[in-house]
PDB file of N, CA and C in Angstrom:
ATOM      1  N   MET A   1       0.155  -3.721  11.876  1.00  0.00           N
ATOM      2  CA  MET A   1      -0.144  -3.033  10.531  1.00  0.00           C
ATOM      3  C   MET A   1      -1.554  -2.342  10.370  1.00  0.00           C
ATOM      4  N   ALA A   2      -1.569  -1.208   9.678  1.00  0.00           N
ATOM      5  CA  ALA A   2      -2.792  -0.470   9.488  1.00  0.00           C
ATOM      6  C   ALA A   2      -3.742  -1.362   8.656  1.00  0.00           C
ATOM      7  N   LYS A   3      -4.940  -1.329   8.917  1.00  0.00           N
ATOM      8  CA  LYS A   3      -5.860  -2.070   8.191  1.00  0.00           C
ATOM      9  C   LYS A   3      -5.938  -1.679   6.732  1.00  0.00           C
ATOM     10  N   GLY A   4      -5.745  -2.506   5.600  1.00  0.00           N
ATOM     11  CA  GLY A   4      -5.889  -2.258   4.307  1.00  0.00           C
ATOM     12  C   GLY A   4      -4.550  -1.861   3.636  1.00  0.00           C
ATOM     13  N   LYS A   5      -3.499  -1.783   4.471  1.00  0.00           N
ATOM     14  CA  LYS A   5      -2.254  -1.466   3.778  1.00  0.00           C
ATOM     15  C   LYS A   5      -1.465  -2.797   3.690  1.00  0.00           C
ATOM     16  N   LYS A   6      -0.808  -2.823   2.649  1.00  0.00           N
ATOM     17  CA  LYS A   6       0.185  -4.042   2.302  1.00  0.00           C
ATOM     18  C   LYS A   6       1.316  -3.903   3.257  1.00  0.00           C
ATOM     19  N   PRO A   7       2.012  -4.946   3.573  1.00  0.00           N
ATOM     20  CA  PRO A   7       3.294  -4.792   4.437  1.00  0.00           C
ATOM     21  C   PRO A   7       4.397  -4.235   3.637  1.00  0.00           C
ATOM     22  N   ILE A   8       5.191  -3.595   4.303  1.00  0.00           N
ATOM     23  CA  ILE A   8       6.594  -3.093   3.735  1.00  0.00           C
ATOM     24  C   ILE A   8       7.373  -4.152   3.374  1.00  0.00           C
ATOM     25  N   LYS A   9       7.781  -4.221   2.103  1.00  0.00           N
ATOM     26  CA  LYS A   9       8.681  -5.233   1.632  1.00  0.00           C
ATOM     27  C   LYS A   9      10.133  -4.679   1.834  1.00  0.00           C
ATOM     28  N   VAL A  10      10.917  -5.634   2.326  1.00  0.00           N
ATOM     29  CA  VAL A  10      12.339  -5.240   2.679  1.00  0.00           C
ATOM     30  C   VAL A  10      13.175  -6.123   1.582  1.00  0.00           C
ATOM     31  N   LEU A  11      14.009  -5.364   0.854  1.00  0.00           N
ATOM     32  CA  LEU A  11      15.024  -6.083  -0.201  1.00  0.00           C
ATOM     33  C   LEU A  11      16.502  -5.633   0.425  1.00  0.00           C
ATOM     34  N   GLU A  12      17.415  -6.629   0.167  1.00  0.00           N
ATOM     35  CA  GLU A  12      18.708  -6.473   0.580  1.00  0.00           C
ATOM     36  C   GLU A  12      19.668  -6.590  -0.545  1.00  0.00           C
ATOM     37  N   GLY A  13      20.741  -5.854  -0.666  1.00  0.00           N
ATOM     38  CA  GLY A  13      21.585  -5.805  -1.811  1.00  0.00           C
ATOM     39  C   GLY A  13      22.769  -4.942  -1.637  1.00  0.00           C
ATOM     40  N   HIS A  14      23.500  -4.775  -2.667  1.00  0.00           N
ATOM     41  CA  HIS A  14      24.752  -3.902  -2.585  1.00  0.00           C
ATOM     42  C   HIS A  14      24.247  -2.523  -3.141  1.00  0.00           C
ATOM     43  N   LEU A  15      24.173  -1.397  -2.263  1.00  0.00           N
ATOM     44  CA  LEU A  15      23.572  -0.162  -2.808  1.00  0.00           C
ATOM     45  C   LEU A  15      24.833   0.913  -2.885  1.00  0.00           C
ATOM     46  N   GLY A  16      25.970   0.396  -3.105  1.00  0.00           N
ATOM     47  CA  GLY A  16      27.141   1.262  -3.271  1.00  0.00           C
ATOM     48  C   GLY A  16      26.960   2.208  -4.429  1.00  0.00           C
ATOM     49  N   HIS A  17      26.514   1.722  -5.430  1.00  0.00           N
ATOM     50  CA  HIS A  17      26.356   2.427  -6.667  1.00  0.00           C
ATOM     51  C   HIS A  17      25.308   3.624  -6.645  1.00  0.00           C
ATOM     52  N   TYR A  18      24.466   3.557  -5.419  1.00  0.00           N
ATOM     53  CA  TYR A  18      23.369   4.618  -5.084  1.00  0.00           C
ATOM     54  C   TYR A  18      24.116   5.512  -4.194  1.00  0.00           C
ATOM     55  N   LYS A  19      25.277   5.128  -3.535  1.00  0.00           N
ATOM     56  CA  LYS A  19      25.878   5.841  -2.383  1.00  0.00           C
ATOM     57  C   LYS A  19      24.931   6.119  -1.269  1.00  0.00           C
ATOM     58  N   ALA A  20      24.219   5.015  -0.919  1.00  0.00           N
ATOM     59  CA  ALA A  20      23.284   5.000   0.127  1.00  0.00           C
ATOM     60  C   ALA A  20      23.232   3.729   0.896  1.00  0.00           C
ATOM     61  N   SER A  21      23.004   3.801   2.148  1.00  0.00           N
ATOM     62  CA  SER A  21      22.843   2.738   3.059  1.00  0.00           C
ATOM     63  C   SER A  21      21.539   2.018   2.913  1.00  0.00           C
ATOM     64  N   GLY A  22      20.472   2.820   2.482  1.00  0.00           N
ATOM     65  CA  GLY A  22      19.066   2.314   2.398  1.00  0.00           C
ATOM     66  C   GLY A  22      18.317   3.188   1.454  1.00  0.00           C
ATOM     67  N   LEU A  23      17.396   2.705   0.851  1.00  0.00           N
ATOM     68  CA  LEU A  23      16.366   3.572  -0.003  1.00  0.00           C
ATOM     69  C   LEU A  23      14.972   3.318   0.343  1.00  0.00           C
ATOM     70  N   ALA A  24      14.064   3.977  -0.083  1.00  0.00           N
ATOM     71  CA  ALA A  24      12.665   3.793   0.155  1.00  0.00           C
ATOM     72  C   ALA A  24      11.794   4.236  -1.057  1.00  0.00           C
ATOM     73  N   TRP A  25      10.714   3.353  -1.392  1.00  0.00           N
ATOM     74  CA  TRP A  25       9.903   3.736  -2.398  1.00  0.00           C
ATOM     75  C   TRP A  25       8.630   3.646  -1.803  1.00  0.00           C
ATOM     76  N   THR A  26       8.210   4.869  -1.446  1.00  0.00           N
ATOM     77  CA  THR A  26       6.949   5.039  -0.655  1.00  0.00           C
ATOM     78  C   THR A  26       5.663   4.540  -1.383  1.00  0.00           C
ATOM     79  N   ASP A  27       5.566   4.734  -2.726  1.00  0.00           N
ATOM     80  CA  ASP A  27       4.469   4.261  -3.464  1.00  0.00           C
ATOM     81  C   ASP A  27       4.234   2.860  -3.539  1.00  0.00           C
ATOM     82  N   LYS A  28       5.456   2.125  -3.349  1.00  0.00           N
ATOM     83  CA  LYS A  28       5.522   0.730  -3.458  1.00  0.00           C
ATOM     84  C   LYS A  28       5.473  -0.072  -2.307  1.00  0.00           C
ATOM     85  N   ARG A  29       5.696   0.793  -1.118  1.00  0.00           N
ATOM     86  CA  ARG A  29       5.906   0.344   0.238  1.00  0.00           C
ATOM     87  C   ARG A  29       7.063  -0.730   0.297  1.00  0.00           C
ATOM     88  N   THR A  30       8.096  -0.287  -0.291  1.00  0.00           N
ATOM     89  CA  THR A  30       9.328  -1.092  -0.339  1.00  0.00           C
ATOM     90  C   THR A  30      10.516  -0.439   0.013  1.00  0.00           C
ATOM     91  N   ILE A  31      11.383  -1.068   0.848  1.00  0.00           N
ATOM     92  CA  ILE A  31      12.710  -0.500   1.180  1.00  0.00           C
ATOM     93  C   ILE A  31      13.815  -1.505   0.708  1.00  0.00           C
ATOM     94  N   ALA A  32      15.034  -0.881   0.484  1.00  0.00           N
ATOM     95  CA  ALA A  32      16.152  -1.644   0.230  1.00  0.00           C
ATOM     96  C   ALA A  32      17.293  -1.244   1.194  1.00  0.00           C
ATOM     97  N   ILE A  33      17.966  -2.229   1.725  1.00  0.00           N
ATOM     98  CA  ILE A  33      19.028  -2.030   2.782  1.00  0.00           C
ATOM     99  C   ILE A  33      20.213  -2.676   2.277  1.00  0.00           C
ATOM    100  N   ASP A  34      21.438  -1.999   2.363  1.00  0.00           N
ATOM    101  CA  ASP A  34      22.705  -2.444   1.882  1.00  0.00           C
ATOM    102  C   ASP A  34      22.982  -3.674   2.649  1.00  0.00           C
ATOM    103  N   LYS A  35      23.193  -4.905   2.106  1.00  0.00           N
ATOM    104  CA  LYS A  35      23.319  -6.102   2.902  1.00  0.00           C
ATOM    105  C   LYS A  35      24.760  -6.223   3.656  1.00  0.00           C
ATOM    106  N   ARG A  36      25.598  -5.263   3.262  1.00  0.00           N
ATOM    107  CA  ARG A  36      26.957  -5.165   4.068  1.00  0.00           C
ATOM    108  C   ARG A  36      26.803  -4.547   5.556  1.00  0.00           C
ATOM    109  N   LEU A  37      25.593  -3.919   5.754  1.00  0.00           N
ATOM    110  CA  LEU A  37      25.367  -3.386   6.995  1.00  0.00           C
ATOM    111  C   LEU A  37      25.236  -4.200   8.238  1.00  0.00           C
ATOM    112  N   LYS A  38      25.801  -3.880   9.364  1.00  0.00           N
ATOM    113  CA  LYS A  38      25.816  -4.627  10.488  1.00  0.00           C
ATOM    114  C   LYS A  38      25.369  -3.943  11.670  1.00  0.00           C
ATOM    115  N   GLY A  39      25.015  -4.642  12.698  1.00  0.00           N
ATOM    116  CA  GLY A  39      24.781  -4.018  14.078  1.00  0.00           C
ATOM    117  C   GLY A  39      23.746  -2.905  14.030  1.00  0.00           C
ATOM    118  N   MET A  40      24.152  -1.778  14.817  1.00  0.00           N
ATOM    119  CA  MET A  40      23.330  -0.604  15.246  1.00  0.00           C
ATOM    120  C   MET A  40      23.104   0.063  13.682  1.00  0.00           C
ATOM    121  N   ASP A  41      24.028   0.132  12.808  1.00  0.00           N
ATOM    122  CA  ASP A  41      23.915   0.768  11.568  1.00  0.00           C
ATOM    123  C   ASP A  41      22.813   0.263  10.856  1.00  0.00           C
ATOM    124  N   ARG A  42      22.758  -1.231  10.785  1.00  0.00           N
ATOM    125  CA  ARG A  42      21.699  -2.018  10.126  1.00  0.00           C
ATOM    126  C   ARG A  42      20.210  -1.515  10.723  1.00  0.00           C
ATOM    127  N   MET A  43      20.140  -1.668  12.008  1.00  0.00           N
ATOM    128  CA  MET A  43      18.856  -1.442  12.664  1.00  0.00           C
ATOM    129  C   MET A  43      18.438  -0.003  12.352  1.00  0.00           C
ATOM    130  N   GLU A  44      19.240   0.960  12.480  1.00  0.00           N
ATOM    131  CA  GLU A  44      18.804   2.429  12.339  1.00  0.00           C
ATOM    132  C   GLU A  44      18.502   2.613  10.913  1.00  0.00           C
ATOM    133  N   THR A  45      19.179   2.062   9.924  1.00  0.00           N
ATOM    134  CA  THR A  45      18.877   2.097   8.479  1.00  0.00           C
ATOM    135  C   THR A  45      17.403   1.616   8.260  1.00  0.00           C
ATOM    136  N   ILE A  46      17.246   0.359   8.703  1.00  0.00           N
ATOM    137  CA  ILE A  46      15.936  -0.211   8.450  1.00  0.00           C
ATOM    138  C   ILE A  46      14.757   0.705   9.003  1.00  0.00           C
ATOM    139  N   ILE A  47      14.883   1.064  10.232  1.00  0.00           N
ATOM    140  CA  ILE A  47      13.941   1.907  10.827  1.00  0.00           C
ATOM    141  C   ILE A  47      13.843   3.209  10.122  1.00  0.00           C
ATOM    142  N   HIS A  48      14.999   3.899   9.676  1.00  0.00           N
ATOM    143  CA  HIS A  48      14.822   5.118   8.880  1.00  0.00           C
ATOM    144  C   HIS A  48      13.959   5.036   7.705  1.00  0.00           C
ATOM    145  N   GLU A  49      14.313   3.786   6.949  1.00  0.00           N
ATOM    146  CA  GLU A  49      13.651   3.701   5.659  1.00  0.00           C
ATOM    147  C   GLU A  49      12.098   3.312   5.922  1.00  0.00           C
ATOM    148  N   VAL A  50      11.896   2.566   6.894  1.00  0.00           N
ATOM    149  CA  VAL A  50      10.353   2.345   7.268  1.00  0.00           C
ATOM    150  C   VAL A  50       9.704   3.644   7.595  1.00  0.00           C
ATOM    151  N   ILE A  51      10.342   4.387   8.321  1.00  0.00           N
ATOM    152  CA  ILE A  51       9.776   5.883   8.764  1.00  0.00           C
ATOM    153  C   ILE A  51       9.476   6.616   7.494  1.00  0.00           C
ATOM    154  N   HIS A  52      10.314   6.547   6.493  1.00  0.00           N
ATOM    155  CA  HIS A  52      10.116   7.216   5.131  1.00  0.00           C
ATOM    156  C   HIS A  52       8.883   6.797   4.435  1.00  0.00           C
ATOM    157  N   VAL A  53       8.660   5.347   4.473  1.00  0.00           N
ATOM    158  CA  VAL A  53       7.486   4.805   3.875  1.00  0.00           C
ATOM    159  C   VAL A  53       6.257   5.254   4.556  1.00  0.00           C
ATOM    160  N   GLN A  54       6.283   5.167   5.960  1.00  0.00           N
ATOM    161  CA  GLN A  54       5.176   5.565   6.764  1.00  0.00           C
ATOM    162  C   GLN A  54       4.732   7.055   6.812  1.00  0.00           C
ATOM    163  N   ASN A  55       5.810   7.946   6.665  1.00  0.00           N
ATOM    164  CA  ASN A  55       5.506   9.226   6.635  1.00  0.00           C
ATOM    165  C   ASN A  55       6.216  10.109   5.379  1.00  0.00           C
ATOM    166  N   PRO A  56       5.742   9.769   4.354  1.00  0.00           N
ATOM    167  CA  PRO A  56       6.641  10.378   3.113  1.00  0.00           C
ATOM    168  C   PRO A  56       6.625  11.996   3.050  1.00  0.00           C
ATOM    169  N   LYS A  57       5.976  12.523   3.686  1.00  0.00           N
ATOM    170  CA  LYS A  57       6.050  13.999   3.746  1.00  0.00           C
ATOM    171  C   LYS A  57       7.003  14.626   4.778  1.00  0.00           C
ATOM    172  N   TRP A  58       7.556  13.762   5.735  1.00  0.00           N
ATOM    173  CA  TRP A  58       8.362  14.224   6.659  1.00  0.00           C
ATOM    174  C   TRP A  58       9.859  14.643   6.195  1.00  0.00           C
ATOM    175  N   PRO A  59      10.337  15.779   6.600  1.00  0.00           N
ATOM    176  CA  PRO A  59      11.727  16.185   6.299  1.00  0.00           C
ATOM    177  C   PRO A  59      12.681  15.262   6.743  1.00  0.00           C
ATOM    178  N   GLU A  60      13.727  15.075   5.978  1.00  0.00           N
ATOM    179  CA  GLU A  60      14.944  14.195   6.311  1.00  0.00           C
ATOM    180  C   GLU A  60      15.419  14.275   7.686  1.00  0.00           C
ATOM    181  N   ILE A  61      15.544  15.583   8.219  1.00  0.00           N
ATOM    182  CA  ILE A  61      16.051  15.795   9.525  1.00  0.00           C
ATOM    183  C   ILE A  61      15.092  15.152  10.569  1.00  0.00           C
ATOM    184  N   MET A  62      13.862  15.281  10.344  1.00  0.00           N
ATOM    185  CA  MET A  62      12.919  14.482  11.350  1.00  0.00           C
ATOM    186  C   MET A  62      12.951  13.046  11.353  1.00  0.00           C
ATOM    187  N   VAL A  63      13.085  12.511  10.107  1.00  0.00           N
ATOM    188  CA  VAL A  63      13.276  11.047   9.871  1.00  0.00           C
ATOM    189  C   VAL A  63      14.559  10.575  10.529  1.00  0.00           C
ATOM    190  N   GLU A  64      15.679  11.246  10.381  1.00  0.00           N
ATOM    191  CA  GLU A  64      16.875  10.907  10.968  1.00  0.00           C
ATOM    192  C   GLU A  64      16.821  10.975  12.396  1.00  0.00           C
ATOM    193  N   SER A  65      16.219  11.870  13.093  1.00  0.00           N
ATOM    194  CA  SER A  65      16.059  12.144  14.577  1.00  0.00           C
ATOM    195  C   SER A  65      15.341  10.970  15.146  1.00  0.00           C
ATOM    196  N   LYS A  66      14.144  10.782  14.489  1.00  0.00           N
ATOM    197  CA  LYS A  66      13.119   9.622  15.092  1.00  0.00           C
ATOM    198  C   LYS A  66      13.959   8.164  14.820  1.00  0.00           C
ATOM    199  N   ALA A  67      14.476   7.966  13.882  1.00  0.00           N
ATOM    200  CA  ALA A  67      15.059   6.794  13.558  1.00  0.00           C
ATOM    201  C   ALA A  67      16.200   6.409  14.481  1.00  0.00           C
ATOM    202  N   ALA A  68      17.011   7.437  14.654  1.00  0.00           N
ATOM    203  CA  ALA A  68      18.125   7.272  15.724  1.00  0.00           C
ATOM    204  C   ALA A  68      17.677   7.014  17.138  1.00  0.00           C
ATOM    205  N   GLU A  69      16.519   7.861  17.512  1.00  0.00           N
ATOM    206  CA  GLU A  69      16.037   7.473  18.804  1.00  0.00           C
ATOM    207  C   GLU A  69      15.481   6.117  19.065  1.00  0.00           C
ATOM    208  N   ILE A  70      14.617   5.618  18.102  1.00  0.00           N
ATOM    209  CA  ILE A  70      14.074   4.283  18.189  1.00  0.00           C
ATOM    210  C   ILE A  70      15.128   3.177  18.163  1.00  0.00           C
ATOM    211  N   ALA A  71      16.050   3.444  17.272  1.00  0.00           N
ATOM    212  CA  ALA A  71      17.180   2.396  17.208  1.00  0.00           C
ATOM    213  C   ALA A  71      18.044   2.201  18.578  1.00  0.00           C
ATOM    214  N   LYS A  72      18.270   3.509  19.064  1.00  0.00           N
ATOM    215  CA  LYS A  72      19.007   3.544  20.404  1.00  0.00           C
ATOM    216  C   LYS A  72      18.185   2.720  21.459  1.00  0.00           C
ATOM    217  N   ILE A  73      16.801   3.115  21.484  1.00  0.00           N
ATOM    218  CA  ILE A  73      16.051   2.387  22.551  1.00  0.00           C
ATOM    219  C   ILE A  73      16.105   0.858  22.371  1.00  0.00           C
ATOM    220  N   LEU A  74      15.891   0.509  21.134  1.00  0.00           N
ATOM    221  CA  LEU A  74      15.789  -1.059  20.749  1.00  0.00           C
ATOM    222  C   LEU A  74      17.174  -1.744  21.178  1.00  0.00           C
ATOM    223  N   TRP A  75      18.313  -0.874  20.665  1.00  0.00           N
ATOM    224  CA  TRP A  75      19.632  -1.472  20.867  1.00  0.00           C
ATOM    225  C   TRP A  75      19.773  -1.655  22.458  1.00  0.00           C
ATOM    226  N   ASP A  76      19.556  -0.551  23.133  1.00  0.00           N
ATOM    227  CA  ASP A  76      19.738  -0.637  24.567  1.00  0.00           C
ATOM    228  C   ASP A  76      19.019  -1.792  25.345  1.00  0.00           C
ATOM    229  N   LEU A  77      17.837  -2.084  24.793  1.00  0.00           N
ATOM    230  CA  LEU A  77      17.013  -3.160  25.303  1.00  0.00           C
ATOM    231  C   LEU A  77      17.423  -4.570  24.873  1.00  0.00           C
ATOM    232  N   GLY A  78      18.483  -4.635  24.033  1.00  0.00           N
ATOM    233  CA  GLY A  78      19.252  -5.837  23.619  1.00  0.00           C
ATOM    234  C   GLY A  78      18.747  -6.493  22.343  1.00  0.00           C
ATOM    235  N   TYR A  79      17.913  -5.651  21.565  1.00  0.00           N
ATOM    236  CA  TYR A  79      17.574  -6.207  20.239  1.00  0.00           C
ATOM    237  C   TYR A  79      18.606  -6.241  19.216  1.00  0.00           C
ATOM    238  N   ARG A  80      18.792  -7.360  18.561  1.00  0.00           N
ATOM    239  CA  ARG A  80      19.899  -7.602  17.703  1.00  0.00           C
ATOM    240  C   ARG A  80      19.315  -8.431  16.578  1.00  0.00           C
ATOM    241  N   HIS A  81      19.993  -8.333  15.298  1.00  0.00           N
ATOM    242  CA  HIS A  81      19.748  -9.337  14.169  1.00  0.00           C
ATOM    243  C   HIS A  81      20.653 -10.339  14.203  1.00  0.00           C
ATOM    244  N   CYS A  82      20.107 -11.551  13.809  1.00  0.00           N
ATOM    245  CA  CYS A  82      20.999 -12.833  14.027  1.00  0.00           C
ATOM    246  C   CYS A  82      20.573 -13.600  12.818  1.00  0.00           C
ATOM    247  N   ASP A  83      21.543 -14.132  12.179  1.00  0.00           N
ATOM    248  CA  ASP A  83      21.333 -15.036  11.111  1.00  0.00           C
ATOM    249  C   ASP A  83      20.971 -16.364  11.482  1.00  0.00           C
ATOM    250  N   LEU A  84      19.949 -17.029  11.131  1.00  0.00           N
ATOM    251  CA  LEU A  84      19.604 -18.281  11.668  1.00  0.00           C
ATOM    252  C   LEU A  84      19.941 -19.297  10.635  1.00  0.00           C
TER     253      LEU A  84
END
């Protein structure tokens, strides 16, 4: 984490009423992820929203491209979310 920046807070909930899988509030360094997401979709959405927080001026097409690439690399390496 960059020196002097607070960590990105991750919230989970039902985001259906927003018609979104994830949301980002760059000024608050907070993201929200729809709790119903699973597998690769969940990973890519988390990465996508984190990129928005880290690079608030990037266009959506660039965020989508980078998030998809990073998620695929991590997925191919075997990273998964597991409930403990």
